Amino acid sequence: MTDIQIPDDCLYFIFQRLDSSYDRESFGLTCHCWLRIQNSSRRSLRLTEINSYHLYRLLARFTNLHSLSLSCCTELPDPGLSVLVRYGLKLQRLNLDCCFGITDHGLSYVASGCPFLTIISLYRCSVTDTGLETLSKSCSSLADVNLSYCSLISDIGIRALSENCLCLRAVSISHCRNMTGIGFRGCSNTLVYLEADSCKLDPEGIRAVVSGGGLEYLNISNLSWCVRGHGLADIDSLYVSNLKVLNFRLCRTIGDEAIVKIATGCPLLEEWNLALCHEVRIEGWESIGLNCRRLERLHVNRCQNLCDQGLRGLRDGCKRLRRLYLGRCRRLSWTAVEMFKCLRGDVRIVDEEVMCIAPEWAFRL
């Protein structure tokens, strides 16, 4: 009996239509040829606690990876990433979260071997402006970049990223305390998502952050106090007109002037977190009610200056409001809350404090 040679393209077709992981593993155990088909069909790999040798062996085996996660490989050194120079050509997404041993040297291997990278997460990595500049020059297609807790990154690195990567879509600089935000000046209008939780943005930095004009999601929660203020009241409405989700949680110095400016200048706003914003008073609440016609979710937990009149302003306006996160507002009377429930039965009042309201699509690896 003559052996039947099945062409590779047919084997690929068969493998792609196997639903269960058991069937896929069994496919690879059939023979060396089928194992090769299985290996070359793999597109993503998640590894933890791996050393350089085993990483090399795995990447040499799976040569068509589009996504690689090394999250929490805390002992992986810079030389461990040298394998990407040879096997990283097709990588589009890379997760290096909590890879504490990775520095600019390791990032240079990424830059050399992964020119088509679109998403990278460097949460808590020890990289500097130099490494970020090298990466941005070689990987100009970067769209999503997570730099949270990268304490060595400054405005210089952000400027390089903004200038070299013209398709930036989402950036996180949360807890990067060594930057003011001015590195974003003149950024592309493709930037629609920015996380800047617990940062030291100054007025000039705030203006730079929105200068692209395309932002739809902005998180500046827990904004550090600045002697020159926050500058939100001076922002040109032209640059914030596309905002849909705003997180101002714990911004204790933001007052009515800024709230009025944003409420009138952001007609597309759908969700706004103002929890613990103690300086927002009647004028601010009434402006939200009057101008935020598309607002669906509003967070006002523990706002010390939300009073009955302010709640009435929200009640009489915000016609699309569907959920109000309300709790521990000491100036609100029981009567005002019950009246709100009676007259706005379409709104669900939730006694829950939400920390994150970010869209889920960003940094998906």
Protein backbone atom coordinates (compact mmCIF):
# COMPACT_ATOMS: atom_id res chain seq x y z
CA MET A 1 0.00 0.00 0.00
CA THR A 2 1.39 3.38 -1.00
CA ASP A 3 1.62 6.17 1.62
CA ILE A 4 -0.51 9.18 0.79
CA GLN A 5 1.37 12.47 1.08
CA ILE A 6 -0.98 15.22 2.20
CA PRO A 7 0.20 18.68 1.09
CA ASP A 8 1.13 21.14 3.85
CA ASP A 9 -1.59 23.60 2.88
CA CYS A 10 -4.21 20.89 3.37
CA LEU A 11 -2.75 19.98 6.75
CA TYR A 12 -2.84 23.64 7.79
CA PHE A 13 -6.47 23.80 6.69
CA ILE A 14 -7.34 20.72 8.75
CA PHE A 15 -5.45 21.92 11.84
CA GLN A 16 -7.13 25.34 11.83
CA ARG A 17 -10.52 23.65 12.02
CA LEU A 18 -9.78 21.55 15.08
CA ASP A 19 -11.86 23.01 17.90
CA SER A 20 -10.49 21.44 21.08
CA SER A 21 -6.99 21.73 22.52
CA TYR A 22 -6.98 17.94 22.95
CA ASP A 23 -7.49 17.43 19.20
CA ARG A 24 -4.76 19.95 18.40
CA GLU A 25 -2.27 18.22 20.69
CA SER A 26 -3.18 14.84 19.25
CA PHE A 27 -2.63 16.21 15.77
CA GLY A 28 0.98 17.07 16.61
CA LEU A 29 1.65 13.60 18.06
CA THR A 30 0.83 11.87 14.78
CA CYS A 31 4.24 12.33 13.15
CA HIS A 32 7.09 14.82 12.79
CA CYS A 33 5.51 16.41 9.74
CA TRP A 34 2.23 17.04 11.55
CA LEU A 35 4.10 18.32 14.60
CA ARG A 36 5.82 20.86 12.36
CA ILE A 37 2.42 21.99 11.09
CA GLN A 38 1.17 22.33 14.66
CA ASN A 39 4.21 24.34 15.75
CA SER A 40 4.11 26.72 12.81
CA SER A 41 0.37 27.30 13.30
CA ARG A 42 0.74 28.62 16.82
CA ARG A 43 0.20 32.39 16.98
CA SER A 44 0.37 33.21 20.71
CA LEU A 45 2.38 32.09 23.72
CA ARG A 46 2.15 32.98 27.42
CA LEU A 47 5.12 32.14 29.63
CA THR A 48 5.98 32.77 33.28
CA GLU A 49 9.11 32.07 35.31
CA ILE A 50 11.14 31.03 32.28
CA ASN A 51 14.90 31.21 31.81
CA SER A 52 16.83 32.30 28.72
CA TYR A 53 17.60 28.77 27.52
CA HIS A 54 14.02 27.54 27.56
CA LEU A 55 12.79 30.76 25.98
CA TYR A 56 15.21 30.22 23.11
CA ARG A 57 14.03 26.62 22.64
CA LEU A 58 10.37 27.61 22.58
CA LEU A 59 10.78 30.50 20.16
CA ALA A 60 12.89 28.31 17.89
CA ARG A 61 10.00 25.84 17.91
CA PHE A 62 7.14 28.32 17.44
CA THR A 63 8.44 30.53 14.65
CA ASN A 64 5.22 32.23 13.56
CA LEU A 65 4.17 33.86 16.83
CA HIS A 66 2.21 37.09 16.63
CA SER A 67 1.77 37.50 20.39
CA LEU A 68 4.21 36.73 23.22
CA SER A 69 3.63 37.29 26.93
CA LEU A 70 6.56 37.09 29.35
CA SER A 71 4.62 38.77 32.14
CA CYS A 72 6.11 38.15 35.60
CA CYS A 73 9.30 36.54 34.28
CA THR A 74 11.01 38.47 37.05
CA GLU A 75 14.39 36.74 36.71
CA LEU A 76 14.69 37.02 32.93
CA PRO A 77 17.83 39.07 32.11
CA ASP A 78 18.45 41.33 29.12
CA PRO A 79 20.37 38.66 27.13
CA GLY A 80 17.29 36.45 27.32
CA LEU A 81 15.58 38.72 24.79
CA SER A 82 18.39 38.34 22.26
CA VAL A 83 16.43 35.42 20.79
CA LEU A 84 13.97 37.97 19.41
CA VAL A 85 16.59 39.22 16.96
CA ARG A 86 16.35 35.86 15.21
CA TYR A 87 12.77 34.80 15.90
CA GLY A 88 10.81 37.99 16.57
CA LEU A 89 10.18 39.20 13.03
CA LYS A 90 6.46 38.33 13.02
CA LEU A 91 5.72 39.49 16.58
CA GLN A 92 3.01 42.14 16.82
CA ARG A 93 2.24 42.06 20.56
CA LEU A 94 4.72 41.75 23.44
CA ASN A 95 4.05 41.75 27.18
CA LEU A 96 7.04 42.35 29.48
CA ASP A 97 5.09 43.34 32.60
CA CYS A 98 7.11 42.95 35.80
CA CYS A 99 10.21 41.74 33.97
CA PHE A 100 12.40 43.49 36.51
CA GLY A 101 15.64 42.39 34.86
CA ILE A 102 14.85 44.04 31.53
CA THR A 103 16.58 47.37 30.87
CA ASP A 104 17.40 49.45 27.79
CA HIS A 105 19.81 46.73 26.65
CA GLY A 106 17.03 44.16 26.53
CA LEU A 107 14.74 46.62 24.80
CA SER A 108 17.35 47.08 22.07
CA TYR A 109 16.89 43.40 21.14
CA VAL A 110 13.16 44.01 20.84
CA ALA A 111 13.81 47.02 18.62
CA SER A 112 16.17 45.03 16.38
CA GLY A 113 14.07 41.91 16.03
CA CYS A 114 10.44 43.06 16.13
CA PRO A 115 9.96 45.83 13.54
CA PHE A 116 6.23 45.13 13.15
CA LEU A 117 5.37 45.42 16.84
CA THR A 118 2.07 47.24 17.44
CA ILE A 119 1.44 46.60 21.16
CA ILE A 120 3.98 46.50 23.98
CA SER A 121 3.51 46.52 27.74
CA LEU A 122 6.50 47.51 29.89
CA TYR A 123 4.75 47.80 33.27
CA ARG A 124 7.40 48.18 36.01
CA CYS A 125 10.34 47.60 33.67
CA SER A 126 13.62 49.43 34.33
CA VAL A 127 13.76 51.17 30.96
CA THR A 128 14.78 54.78 30.38
CA ASP A 129 14.21 57.46 27.75
CA THR A 130 17.12 56.05 25.74
CA GLY A 131 15.53 52.62 25.45
CA LEU A 132 12.13 54.07 24.59
CA GLU A 133 13.64 56.25 21.87
CA THR A 134 15.48 53.27 20.36
CA LEU A 135 12.28 51.23 20.40
CA SER A 136 10.15 53.99 18.86
CA LYS A 137 12.58 54.54 16.00
CA SER A 138 12.67 50.87 15.02
CA CYS A 139 9.03 50.02 15.77
CA SER A 140 7.26 52.96 14.18
CA SER A 141 3.98 51.02 13.90
CA LEU A 142 3.50 50.96 17.68
CA ALA A 143 -0.10 51.74 18.59
CA ASP A 144 -0.55 50.70 22.25
CA VAL A 145 2.27 51.36 24.74
CA ASN A 146 1.97 50.67 28.47
CA LEU A 147 4.63 52.49 30.50
CA SER A 148 2.88 52.38 33.89
CA TYR A 149 5.29 52.57 36.83
CA CYS A 150 8.28 53.06 34.51
CA SER A 151 9.76 55.61 36.90
CA LEU A 152 12.83 56.31 34.74
CA ILE A 153 10.80 57.57 31.76
CA SER A 154 10.49 61.35 31.38
CA ASP A 155 9.02 63.81 28.88
CA ILE A 156 12.06 63.23 26.65
CA GLY A 157 11.12 59.60 26.08
CA ILE A 158 7.46 60.46 25.52
CA ARG A 159 8.44 63.09 22.96
CA ALA A 160 10.46 60.50 21.03
CA LEU A 161 7.52 58.10 21.15
CA SER A 162 5.10 60.77 19.91
CA GLU A 163 7.38 61.92 17.10
CA ASN A 164 8.40 58.48 15.82
CA CYS A 165 5.16 56.51 16.22
CA LEU A 166 2.53 58.37 14.24
CA CYS A 167 -0.14 55.70 14.71
CA LEU A 168 -0.22 55.82 18.52
CA ARG A 169 -3.64 54.80 19.78
CA ALA A 170 -3.30 54.14 23.52
CA VAL A 171 -0.61 55.12 26.03
CA SER A 172 -0.40 54.58 29.78
CA ILE A 173 1.98 56.66 31.88
CA SER A 174 0.25 56.05 35.22
CA HIS A 175 2.51 56.54 38.25
CA CYS A 176 5.32 57.91 36.08
CA ARG A 177 6.24 60.72 38.44
CA ASN A 178 9.13 62.05 36.39
CA MET A 179 7.15 63.78 33.65
CA THR A 180 4.89 66.81 33.26
CA GLY A 181 3.14 65.73 30.06
CA ILE A 182 4.79 68.18 27.64
CA GLY A 183 6.27 65.27 25.67
CA PHE A 184 2.83 64.75 24.12
CA ARG A 185 2.81 68.19 22.48
CA GLY A 186 1.81 67.81 18.84
CA CYS A 187 0.94 64.13 19.20
CA SER A 188 -1.02 62.40 16.46
CA ASN A 189 -4.80 62.66 16.40
CA THR A 190 -4.82 58.85 16.35
CA LEU A 191 -4.14 58.93 20.11
CA VAL A 192 -7.57 58.24 21.58
CA TYR A 193 -6.69 56.67 24.96
CA LEU A 194 -4.45 58.04 27.71
CA GLU A 195 -3.94 56.74 31.25
CA ALA A 196 -2.17 59.25 33.48
CA ASP A 197 -3.24 58.17 36.96
CA SER A 198 -1.18 59.67 39.82
CA CYS A 199 1.03 61.79 37.57
CA LYS A 200 2.53 65.25 38.04
CA LEU A 201 1.02 66.90 34.99
CA ASP A 202 1.28 70.69 35.00
CA PRO A 203 -0.92 73.15 33.02
CA GLU A 204 1.38 73.09 30.00
CA GLY A 205 1.49 69.31 30.17
CA ILE A 206 -2.30 69.05 30.31
CA ARG A 207 -2.56 71.17 27.17
CA ALA A 208 0.07 68.99 25.47
CA VAL A 209 -1.77 65.80 26.40
CA VAL A 210 -4.91 66.90 24.55
CA SER A 211 -3.10 68.69 21.71
CA GLY A 212 -3.73 65.89 19.21
CA GLY A 213 -7.46 66.52 19.42
CA GLY A 214 -8.41 62.85 19.10
CA LEU A 215 -8.67 61.75 22.74
CA GLU A 216 -11.81 59.80 23.60
CA TYR A 217 -10.66 58.43 26.97
CA LEU A 218 -8.61 60.38 29.50
CA ASN A 219 -7.67 59.37 33.03
CA ILE A 220 -5.93 61.98 35.18
CA SER A 221 -7.22 60.63 38.49
CA ASN A 222 -5.27 61.55 41.62
CA LEU A 223 -3.65 64.45 39.78
CA SER A 224 -0.79 65.81 41.89
CA TRP A 225 -1.10 69.36 43.15
CA CYS A 226 0.85 71.91 41.13
CA VAL A 227 1.67 75.44 42.27
CA ARG A 228 0.53 76.69 38.83
CA GLY A 229 -2.77 74.83 39.05
CA HIS A 230 -4.06 72.23 36.63
CA GLY A 231 -4.93 74.42 33.65
CA LEU A 232 -8.09 72.52 32.75
CA ALA A 233 -10.17 75.69 32.60
CA ASP A 234 -7.85 77.10 29.92
CA ILE A 235 -8.03 74.18 27.49
CA ASP A 236 -9.31 75.02 24.03
CA SER A 237 -12.59 73.12 23.56
CA LEU A 238 -11.47 72.21 20.05
CA TYR A 239 -8.99 69.71 21.49
CA VAL A 240 -11.38 67.91 23.85
CA SER A 241 -14.53 67.76 21.75
CA ASN A 242 -14.11 64.00 21.09
CA LEU A 243 -13.84 62.95 24.75
CA LYS A 244 -16.31 60.24 25.74
CA VAL A 245 -14.91 58.96 29.05
CA LEU A 246 -13.21 61.08 31.72
CA ASN A 247 -11.73 59.94 35.02
CA PHE A 248 -11.09 62.76 37.50
CA ARG A 249 -11.33 60.59 40.62
CA LEU A 250 -9.41 62.05 43.57
CA CYS A 251 -8.72 65.33 41.75
CA ARG A 252 -9.40 67.38 44.86
CA THR A 253 -8.36 70.75 43.39
CA ILE A 254 -10.58 70.70 40.31
CA GLY A 255 -13.38 73.21 40.80
CA ASP A 256 -16.41 74.69 39.07
CA GLU A 257 -14.51 76.71 36.47
CA ALA A 258 -12.88 73.61 35.01
CA ILE A 259 -16.07 71.55 35.29
CA VAL A 260 -18.11 74.16 33.40
CA LYS A 261 -15.45 74.36 30.68
CA ILE A 262 -15.44 70.60 30.20
CA ALA A 263 -19.21 70.17 30.44
CA THR A 264 -19.74 72.75 27.71
CA GLY A 265 -16.78 71.68 25.56
CA CYS A 266 -17.24 67.89 25.57
CA PRO A 267 -20.63 67.24 23.96
CA LEU A 268 -19.92 63.52 23.42
CA LEU A 269 -19.17 62.72 27.07
CA GLU A 270 -20.75 59.41 28.12
CA GLU A 271 -19.05 58.64 31.44
CA TRP A 272 -17.44 60.92 34.00
CA ASN A 273 -15.85 59.93 37.30
CA LEU A 274 -15.82 62.82 39.76
CA ALA A 275 -15.59 60.76 42.95
CA LEU A 276 -13.81 62.65 45.76
CA CYS A 277 -13.69 65.89 43.75
CA HIS A 278 -14.44 68.07 46.76
CA GLU A 279 -14.23 71.46 45.03
CA VAL A 280 -17.10 70.83 42.62
CA ARG A 281 -20.06 72.86 43.85
CA ILE A 282 -23.53 73.90 42.72
CA GLU A 283 -22.39 75.74 39.59
CA GLY A 284 -20.43 72.71 38.43
CA TRP A 285 -23.21 70.19 39.07
CA GLU A 286 -25.80 72.37 37.36
CA SER A 287 -23.53 72.81 34.35
CA ILE A 288 -23.20 69.04 34.03
CA GLY A 289 -26.96 68.66 34.15
CA LEU A 290 -27.48 71.39 31.58
CA ASN A 291 -24.74 70.52 29.08
CA CYS A 292 -23.88 66.81 29.32
CA ARG A 293 -26.75 65.60 27.18
CA ARG A 294 -25.15 62.25 26.30
CA LEU A 295 -23.89 61.39 29.78
CA GLU A 296 -24.92 57.85 30.75
CA ARG A 297 -22.77 57.14 33.82
CA LEU A 298 -21.70 59.62 36.50
CA HIS A 299 -19.60 58.90 39.59
CA VAL A 300 -20.03 61.32 42.51
CA ASN A 301 -19.04 59.16 45.49
CA ARG A 302 -17.81 61.05 48.56
CA CYS A 303 -18.05 64.49 46.93
CA GLN A 304 -18.17 66.75 49.98
CA ASN A 305 -19.87 69.64 48.17
CA LEU A 306 -22.62 67.79 46.34
CA CYS A 307 -25.71 69.21 48.02
CA ASP A 308 -29.46 68.95 47.40
CA GLN A 309 -29.45 71.79 44.88
CA GLY A 310 -26.56 70.23 42.96
CA LEU A 311 -28.33 66.86 42.83
CA ARG A 312 -31.46 68.63 41.57
CA GLY A 313 -29.41 70.11 38.74
CA LEU A 314 -28.30 66.61 37.75
CA ARG A 315 -31.83 65.27 38.14
CA ASP A 316 -33.42 67.90 35.93
CA GLY A 317 -30.76 67.53 33.22
CA CYS A 318 -28.64 64.61 31.98
CA LYS A 319 -31.59 63.05 30.14
CA ARG A 320 -29.57 60.03 29.03
CA LEU A 321 -28.20 59.25 32.49
CA ARG A 322 -28.71 55.58 33.34
CA ARG A 323 -26.41 54.99 36.29
CA LEU A 324 -25.40 57.30 39.16
CA TYR A 325 -22.67 56.09 41.50
CA LEU A 326 -23.61 57.84 44.71
CA GLY A 327 -22.53 57.24 48.27
CA ARG A 328 -21.31 59.01 51.42
CA CYS A 329 -22.06 62.52 50.17
CA ARG A 330 -22.60 64.08 53.58
CA ARG A 331 -24.35 67.25 52.39
CA LEU A 332 -27.10 65.32 50.61
CA SER A 333 -30.37 64.81 52.44
CA TRP A 334 -32.35 61.59 52.37
CA THR A 335 -35.27 63.54 50.91
CA ALA A 336 -33.24 64.78 47.93
CA VAL A 337 -32.06 61.28 47.10
CA GLU A 338 -35.56 59.82 47.36
CA MET A 339 -36.94 62.63 45.19
CA PHE A 340 -34.28 61.82 42.59
CA LYS A 341 -35.32 58.16 42.62
CA CYS A 342 -38.97 59.10 42.27
CA LEU A 343 -38.55 61.52 39.38
CA ARG A 344 -35.76 59.64 37.59
CA GLY A 345 -36.86 56.03 37.69
CA ASP A 346 -34.77 55.44 34.58
CA VAL A 347 -31.57 56.00 36.58
CA ARG A 348 -30.09 53.29 38.76
CA ILE A 349 -28.38 54.67 41.87
CA VAL A 350 -25.43 52.50 42.85
CA ASP A 351 -23.69 52.72 46.24
CA GLU A 352 -20.40 51.45 44.85
CA GLU A 353 -17.10 53.15 44.14
CA VAL A 354 -15.52 52.18 40.83
CA MET A 355 -11.78 52.69 40.41
CA CYS A 356 -11.39 51.85 36.73
CA ILE A 357 -13.69 52.98 33.93
CA ALA A 358 -11.27 52.40 31.06
CA PRO A 359 -12.45 50.81 27.81
CA GLU A 360 -11.41 47.17 27.65
CA TRP A 361 -9.91 47.18 24.17
CA ALA A 362 -6.60 48.90 25.01
CA PHE A 363 -3.38 46.89 25.49
CA ARG A 364 -5.10 43.62 24.57
CA LEU A 365 -2.30 41.08 24.17
